[in-house]
């Protein structure tokens, strides 16, 4: 039995973080990156209606310069972004067709399902609508991208077995992370026989500069290999994967990725052992042991975004990247209508409910001081 996309090479060009110059996408550099990518035999490009300027850039850099049948183009529909009606959500498809000039999409995704976002696709009957687009020949393959729990993924796949593939956040740092649940989501998709496209294999660039103990392990094993190469190869080595998206932002990143992925045949036993050591080193870094069960949230009188604050704080501890961690806090706390850590009134009800016995109040003070600066 053949798998969807089995002839697609295991590196995809993610177009979310294209190079910029003076605040706009550097189209000439994008063209050079596209040329290198195509010349090396890679063909999968991933954009989205929500990636500002990306669809227009890939029209000029790829669609207008290469035969349409020589590449696969994926884009996404984010119905939960400012759509008040089904018609507004459907219009994203027409906009994507116009901006890319592609004529059709090889892969079309209902984007970022999970939590309250799935409701928009249900309410607007988009599961049926996207099948109509496929029947009309405007889409070849239909799937969805997902950011939530394995249980929720299970429910969606049970409700919509017609989905042909799923796109998941998978990397060696998140593999056993109780908040992201990479391994569990991967296992759910595999149990439903859904091919997987992997996003965020380098965790937004964080694994390109991993914590020092991890970097030392990787460098000792392969002094010439970049840390990012380990992250990409970890993801590409998993069975059932169509391709691994790398959000390359410059020519140097493209050249690095092509250098080790052009003839990738899988990880050796020694390489897998090295990554296991790297994961063990990550696990030794002192993190807040929050499992995002959110029992604390059920009893908090102030609706503090406790688990989101702790996830963001763990980002800061692991990677020392305050901007990235603050972005996580913005999304996981403010973006979910919750209050920031500094608004905690220290009533202690959360600690009574916490099955991990976390000193929640003390850790919220730490978040306020080290991440929020208040």
Protein backbone atom coordinates (compact mmCIF):
# COMPACT_ATOMS: atom_id res chain seq x y z
CA UNK A 1 0.00 0.00 0.00
CA UNK A 2 1.42 3.35 -1.02
CA UNK A 3 1.46 6.33 1.31
CA UNK A 4 0.32 9.79 0.30
CA UNK A 5 3.38 11.85 -0.63
CA UNK A 6 5.83 8.97 -0.44
CA UNK A 7 7.68 10.36 -3.47
CA UNK A 8 8.09 13.79 -1.87
CA UNK A 9 11.54 14.34 -0.41
CA UNK A 10 11.79 14.76 3.35
CA UNK A 11 12.58 18.49 3.44
CA UNK A 12 9.86 21.06 2.80
CA UNK A 13 10.31 24.81 2.44
CA UNK A 14 8.21 26.53 5.10
CA UNK A 15 7.40 30.07 3.96
CA UNK A 16 6.40 31.61 7.28
CA UNK A 17 9.74 33.28 8.01
CA UNK A 18 10.99 34.49 4.63
CA UNK A 19 14.00 36.83 4.52
CA UNK A 20 13.25 40.52 4.78
CA UNK A 21 14.98 43.73 3.82
CA UNK A 22 13.79 47.08 5.12
CA UNK A 23 10.69 45.47 6.54
CA UNK A 24 9.51 43.74 3.36
CA UNK A 25 10.14 40.27 1.96
CA UNK A 26 13.44 40.12 0.07
CA UNK A 27 12.09 38.65 -3.15
CA UNK A 28 15.46 38.31 -4.87
CA UNK A 29 16.83 36.24 -2.00
CA UNK A 30 13.66 34.15 -1.96
CA UNK A 31 14.16 33.42 -5.67
CA UNK A 32 17.71 32.25 -5.02
CA UNK A 33 16.51 30.03 -2.17
CA UNK A 34 13.76 28.55 -4.34
CA UNK A 35 16.27 27.86 -7.12
CA UNK A 36 18.67 26.06 -4.77
CA UNK A 37 15.82 24.05 -3.30
CA UNK A 38 14.42 22.96 -6.66
CA UNK A 39 17.85 22.22 -8.14
CA UNK A 40 18.52 19.87 -5.23
CA UNK A 41 15.37 17.91 -6.06
CA UNK A 42 13.10 19.21 -3.29
CA UNK A 43 9.60 20.21 -4.31
CA UNK A 44 7.28 20.88 -1.34
CA UNK A 45 6.41 24.48 -0.43
CA UNK A 46 4.20 25.48 2.50
CA UNK A 47 2.54 28.88 2.74
CA UNK A 48 -0.69 30.24 4.27
CA UNK A 49 -3.28 32.95 3.80
CA UNK A 50 -2.22 34.23 7.23
CA UNK A 51 1.50 34.56 6.39
CA UNK A 52 1.68 38.20 5.34
CA UNK A 53 3.19 38.55 1.86
CA UNK A 54 4.14 34.87 1.63
CA UNK A 55 1.62 33.78 -0.99
CA UNK A 56 2.44 36.74 -3.21
CA UNK A 57 6.17 36.08 -2.84
CA UNK A 58 5.91 32.42 -3.75
CA UNK A 59 3.88 33.30 -6.85
CA UNK A 60 6.74 35.47 -8.08
CA UNK A 61 9.58 33.25 -6.92
CA UNK A 62 8.14 29.85 -7.80
CA UNK A 63 4.79 29.68 -9.62
CA UNK A 64 5.71 32.15 -12.36
CA UNK A 65 9.15 30.64 -12.87
CA UNK A 66 8.66 26.84 -12.78
CA UNK A 67 6.24 24.40 -14.45
CA UNK A 68 3.22 23.90 -12.21
CA UNK A 69 3.58 20.12 -12.16
CA UNK A 70 7.21 20.34 -10.96
CA UNK A 71 6.35 21.23 -7.35
CA UNK A 72 3.75 20.79 -4.61
CA UNK A 73 2.21 23.91 -3.06
CA UNK A 74 0.34 23.86 0.24
CA UNK A 75 -1.62 26.68 1.81
CA UNK A 76 -4.01 27.04 4.73
CA UNK A 77 -7.34 28.45 5.81
CA UNK A 78 -7.53 30.17 9.22
CA UNK A 79 -11.27 30.59 9.65
CA UNK A 80 -10.81 31.66 13.26
CA UNK A 81 -9.02 34.89 12.27
CA UNK A 82 -11.61 37.68 12.13
CA UNK A 83 -14.20 35.65 10.22
CA UNK A 84 -17.77 36.45 11.27
CA UNK A 85 -19.47 34.39 8.56
CA UNK A 86 -18.85 31.26 6.54
CA UNK A 87 -18.53 33.38 3.41
CA UNK A 88 -15.65 35.32 4.95
CA UNK A 89 -13.90 32.05 5.78
CA UNK A 90 -14.48 30.65 2.29
CA UNK A 91 -13.11 33.86 0.77
CA UNK A 92 -9.66 33.02 2.15
CA UNK A 93 -9.45 30.26 -0.45
CA UNK A 94 -10.17 32.62 -3.33
CA UNK A 95 -7.62 35.08 -1.96
CA UNK A 96 -5.01 32.34 -1.77
CA UNK A 97 -5.70 31.25 -5.35
CA UNK A 98 -5.34 34.82 -6.55
CA UNK A 99 -2.23 35.61 -4.52
CA UNK A 100 -0.38 32.42 -5.44
CA UNK A 101 -1.60 32.19 -9.03
CA UNK A 102 -1.24 28.45 -8.60
CA UNK A 103 -4.51 27.38 -10.22
CA UNK A 104 -4.95 24.62 -7.63
CA UNK A 105 -3.36 23.50 -4.38
CA UNK A 106 -1.67 20.15 -3.97
CA UNK A 107 -2.28 20.23 -0.21
CA UNK A 108 -4.89 22.42 1.49
CA UNK A 109 -5.10 22.63 5.26
CA UNK A 110 -7.72 23.77 7.72
CA UNK A 111 -5.26 25.66 9.86
CA UNK A 112 -4.38 25.47 13.54
CA UNK A 113 -7.21 23.32 14.83
CA UNK A 114 -7.51 22.75 18.55
CA UNK A 115 -9.14 24.36 21.56
CA UNK A 116 -11.75 26.98 20.60
CA UNK A 117 -10.46 27.32 17.04
CA UNK A 118 -11.98 24.05 15.79
CA UNK A 119 -15.47 25.43 16.40
CA UNK A 120 -15.16 27.87 13.50
CA UNK A 121 -14.56 25.08 11.00
CA UNK A 122 -17.53 23.16 12.43
CA UNK A 123 -19.88 26.16 12.51
CA UNK A 124 -19.01 27.17 8.95
CA UNK A 125 -19.39 23.60 7.62
CA UNK A 126 -15.87 23.78 6.24
CA UNK A 127 -15.31 20.04 6.36
CA UNK A 128 -17.90 19.62 3.59
CA UNK A 129 -16.91 22.82 1.81
CA UNK A 130 -13.29 21.76 1.41
CA UNK A 131 -14.41 18.43 -0.07
CA UNK A 132 -16.43 20.37 -2.64
CA UNK A 133 -13.27 22.26 -3.62
CA UNK A 134 -11.45 18.97 -3.96
CA UNK A 135 -14.20 17.53 -6.15
CA UNK A 136 -13.93 20.63 -8.34
CA UNK A 137 -10.23 19.93 -8.90
CA UNK A 138 -9.02 22.97 -7.00
CA UNK A 139 -7.45 20.88 -4.24
CA UNK A 140 -5.66 17.56 -4.60
CA UNK A 141 -5.33 16.58 -0.92
CA UNK A 142 -7.15 17.86 2.17
CA UNK A 143 -5.87 17.84 5.74
CA UNK A 144 -5.40 20.04 8.77
CA UNK A 145 -2.73 21.46 11.02
CA UNK A 146 -3.12 21.02 14.75
CA UNK A 147 -1.90 22.54 18.02
CA UNK A 148 -3.52 20.92 21.02
CA UNK A 149 -3.83 17.68 22.98
CA UNK A 150 -3.69 14.12 21.73
CA UNK A 151 -7.21 13.49 23.05
CA UNK A 152 -8.58 16.35 20.98
CA UNK A 153 -6.72 15.10 17.90
CA UNK A 154 -8.27 11.68 18.46
CA UNK A 155 -11.75 13.21 18.57
CA UNK A 156 -11.22 15.19 15.35
CA UNK A 157 -9.86 12.20 13.45
CA UNK A 158 -12.74 10.04 14.62
CA UNK A 159 -15.21 12.71 13.47
CA UNK A 160 -13.45 13.33 10.15
CA UNK A 161 -11.85 10.19 8.77
CA UNK A 162 -11.96 11.79 5.32
CA UNK A 163 -8.99 13.97 6.21
CA UNK A 164 -6.00 12.68 4.24
CA UNK A 165 -3.12 13.96 6.38
CA UNK A 166 -2.29 15.96 9.49
CA UNK A 167 0.39 18.56 10.17
CA UNK A 168 1.88 18.39 13.67
CA UNK A 169 4.48 20.21 15.74
CA UNK A 170 7.20 17.64 16.34
CA UNK A 171 10.77 18.07 17.53
CA UNK A 172 13.07 16.31 19.93
CA UNK A 173 12.56 18.95 22.64
CA UNK A 174 8.77 18.62 22.58
CA UNK A 175 8.67 14.88 22.01
CA UNK A 176 7.74 14.09 25.63
CA UNK A 177 6.68 17.62 26.62
CA UNK A 178 3.35 17.25 28.48
CA UNK A 179 2.18 20.62 27.19
CA UNK A 180 2.85 20.01 23.49
CA UNK A 181 2.36 16.22 23.49
CA UNK A 182 4.36 15.67 20.30
CA UNK A 183 4.82 11.94 20.77
CA UNK A 184 1.22 11.31 21.77
CA UNK A 185 -0.16 13.33 18.84
CA UNK A 186 2.18 11.52 16.47
CA UNK A 187 1.01 8.16 17.82
CA UNK A 188 -2.66 9.15 17.42
CA UNK A 189 -2.11 10.14 13.79
CA UNK A 190 -0.26 6.90 13.11
CA UNK A 191 -3.04 4.87 14.75
CA UNK A 192 -5.46 6.46 12.28
CA UNK A 193 -3.08 5.74 9.37
CA UNK A 194 -2.72 9.44 8.59
CA UNK A 195 0.50 10.58 6.93
CA UNK A 196 2.15 13.42 8.81
CA UNK A 197 3.70 16.68 7.76
CA UNK A 198 5.98 18.02 10.47
CA UNK A 199 6.12 21.70 11.42
CA UNK A 200 8.39 23.46 13.92
CA UNK A 201 11.11 20.77 13.86
CA UNK A 202 13.61 23.38 15.10
CA UNK A 203 11.03 24.84 17.51
CA UNK A 204 10.92 28.29 15.96
CA UNK A 205 14.71 28.37 15.71
CA UNK A 206 15.32 27.48 19.34
CA UNK A 207 16.99 24.17 18.54
CA UNK A 208 19.39 25.93 16.20
CA UNK A 209 20.93 27.32 19.40
CA UNK A 210 20.03 24.74 22.06
CA UNK A 211 21.05 24.93 25.74
CA UNK A 212 24.77 24.48 26.24
CA UNK A 213 24.66 20.90 27.65
CA UNK A 214 22.71 19.81 24.59
CA UNK A 215 24.92 21.70 22.15
CA UNK A 216 28.02 20.05 23.63
CA UNK A 217 26.57 16.56 23.15
CA UNK A 218 25.68 17.21 19.54
CA UNK A 219 29.00 18.87 18.70
CA UNK A 220 31.00 16.04 20.26
CA UNK A 221 29.18 13.51 18.08
CA UNK A 222 29.44 15.45 14.79
CA UNK A 223 31.65 18.55 15.05
CA UNK A 224 30.76 19.75 11.55
CA UNK A 225 27.00 19.32 11.86
CA UNK A 226 24.80 22.25 12.82
CA UNK A 227 22.44 21.86 15.80
CA UNK A 228 19.55 22.54 13.41
CA UNK A 229 20.56 19.55 11.31
CA UNK A 230 20.03 17.24 14.27
CA UNK A 231 16.54 18.62 14.82
CA UNK A 232 15.53 18.24 11.17
CA UNK A 233 16.93 14.73 10.95
CA UNK A 234 15.18 13.64 14.16
CA UNK A 235 11.85 14.58 12.59
CA UNK A 236 12.63 13.19 9.13
CA UNK A 237 13.59 9.85 10.64
CA UNK A 238 10.07 9.16 11.94
CA UNK A 239 7.99 6.63 9.98
CA UNK A 240 4.89 7.89 8.21
CA UNK A 241 6.23 11.38 7.55
CA UNK A 242 5.57 13.03 4.20
CA UNK A 243 8.01 15.88 4.73
CA UNK A 244 9.57 18.11 7.38
CA UNK A 245 9.00 21.84 7.02
CA UNK A 246 11.94 24.11 7.69
CA UNK A 247 11.15 27.82 7.97
CA UNK A 248 14.33 28.97 6.28
CA UNK A 249 15.01 32.71 6.50
CA UNK A 250 18.19 33.14 4.47
CA UNK A 251 20.45 31.47 1.93
CA UNK A 252 22.81 30.15 4.59
CA UNK A 253 20.01 28.22 6.29
CA UNK A 254 18.90 26.82 2.94
CA UNK A 255 22.43 25.72 2.08
CA UNK A 256 22.86 24.08 5.48
CA UNK A 257 19.59 22.16 5.21
CA UNK A 258 20.34 20.97 1.68
CA UNK A 259 23.83 19.84 2.67
CA UNK A 260 22.58 17.13 5.02
CA UNK A 261 19.11 16.38 3.60
CA UNK A 262 19.89 15.90 -0.11
CA UNK A 263 20.78 12.25 0.47
CA UNK A 264 19.17 11.58 3.86
CA UNK A 265 18.65 7.86 4.37
CA UNK A 266 17.69 7.85 8.04
CA UNK A 267 19.55 8.11 11.32
CA UNK A 268 22.16 5.57 12.31
CA UNK A 269 21.99 3.83 15.68
CA UNK A 270 24.80 6.08 16.95
CA UNK A 271 22.97 9.21 15.82
CA UNK A 272 19.79 8.07 17.51
CA UNK A 273 21.76 7.43 20.69
CA UNK A 274 23.20 10.95 20.50
CA UNK A 275 19.73 12.45 20.25
CA UNK A 276 18.62 10.35 23.19
CA UNK A 277 21.46 11.85 25.21
CA UNK A 278 20.43 15.32 24.09
CA UNK A 279 16.86 14.67 25.22
CA UNK A 280 18.12 13.40 28.56
CA UNK A 281 20.24 16.54 28.97
CA UNK A 282 17.18 18.68 28.27
CA UNK A 283 15.24 16.75 30.89
CA UNK A 284 17.85 17.64 33.53
CA UNK A 285 17.33 21.38 33.10
CA UNK A 286 15.19 22.56 36.06
CA UNK A 287 11.75 23.33 34.69
CA UNK A 288 8.40 23.99 36.32
CA UNK A 289 6.84 20.48 36.25
CA UNK A 290 3.47 21.64 34.92
CA UNK A 291 1.53 19.06 32.89
CA UNK A 292 -1.12 21.60 31.74
CA UNK A 293 -3.91 19.59 33.34
CA UNK A 294 -5.38 23.02 34.19
CA UNK A 295 -7.01 21.89 37.41
CA UNK A 296 -5.60 25.13 38.81
CA UNK A 297 -7.52 27.12 36.23
CA UNK A 298 -10.80 25.60 37.36
CA UNK A 299 -10.42 27.05 40.85
CA UNK A 300 -8.57 30.32 40.20
CA UNK A 301 -10.84 33.26 41.13
CA UNK A 302 -8.80 35.65 38.99
CA UNK A 303 -8.57 33.50 35.83
CA UNK A 304 -4.77 33.67 35.78
CA UNK A 305 -3.16 31.91 32.82
CA UNK A 306 -1.14 29.64 35.07
CA UNK A 307 -0.15 26.80 32.76
CA UNK A 308 0.52 29.18 29.86
CA UNK A 309 2.73 31.33 32.09
CA UNK A 310 4.67 28.25 33.17
CA UNK A 311 5.13 27.02 29.59
CA UNK A 312 6.50 30.45 28.66
CA UNK A 313 8.80 30.48 31.69
CA UNK A 314 10.12 27.05 30.73
CA UNK A 315 10.95 28.43 27.27
CA UNK A 316 13.01 31.14 28.94
CA UNK A 317 14.80 28.62 31.17
CA UNK A 318 15.58 26.28 28.29
CA UNK A 319 16.64 28.73 25.62
CA UNK A 320 17.35 32.06 27.28
CA UNK A 321 15.25 33.75 24.60
CA UNK A 322 13.10 36.31 26.41
CA UNK A 323 11.44 37.60 23.24
CA UNK A 324 10.32 34.11 22.23
CA UNK A 325 9.17 33.31 25.76
CA UNK A 326 7.22 36.57 25.98
CA UNK A 327 5.55 35.69 22.68
CA UNK A 328 4.49 32.37 24.15
CA UNK A 329 3.05 34.15 27.19
CA UNK A 330 1.17 36.56 24.94
CA UNK A 331 -0.38 33.71 22.98
CA UNK A 332 -1.04 31.22 25.77
CA UNK A 333 -2.28 33.76 28.32
CA UNK A 334 -3.57 36.97 26.74
CA UNK A 335 -4.52 35.19 23.52
CA UNK A 336 -6.79 32.89 25.50
CA UNK A 337 -8.49 35.67 27.42
CA UNK A 338 -6.63 34.95 30.66
CA UNK A 339 -4.87 37.31 33.06
CA UNK A 340 -1.08 37.59 33.47
CA UNK A 341 0.92 36.15 36.34
CA UNK A 342 1.34 39.47 38.14
CA UNK A 343 -2.42 39.65 38.83
CA UNK A 344 -2.31 36.62 41.13
CA UNK A 345 -3.83 37.40 44.57
CA UNK A 346 -1.98 34.47 46.22
CA UNK A 347 -5.10 32.82 47.60
CA UNK A 348 -3.54 29.36 47.27
CA UNK A 349 -6.57 27.58 45.83
CA UNK A 350 -4.50 26.56 42.80
CA UNK A 351 -1.94 24.77 44.94
CA UNK A 352 -4.66 22.78 46.69
CA UNK A 353 -5.85 21.57 43.28
CA UNK A 354 -2.45 20.90 41.67
CA UNK A 355 -1.71 17.14 41.34
CA UNK A 356 1.98 17.93 40.76
CA UNK A 357 2.23 19.83 44.06
CA UNK A 358 3.82 22.82 42.34
CA UNK A 359 4.54 25.93 44.39
CA UNK A 360 2.35 27.86 41.98
CA UNK A 361 2.31 31.18 43.81
CA UNK A 362 6.10 31.32 44.11
CA UNK A 363 6.51 30.40 40.45
CA UNK A 364 4.03 33.05 39.32
CA UNK A 365 6.12 35.61 41.20
CA UNK A 366 9.15 34.31 39.30
CA UNK A 367 7.30 34.64 35.99
CA UNK A 368 6.25 38.18 36.88
CA UNK A 369 9.81 39.17 37.78
CA UNK A 370 11.90 37.37 35.16
CA UNK A 371 9.56 37.28 32.17
CA UNK A 372 7.09 40.12 32.58
CA UNK A 373 9.46 42.49 34.38
CA UNK A 374 6.92 43.50 37.02
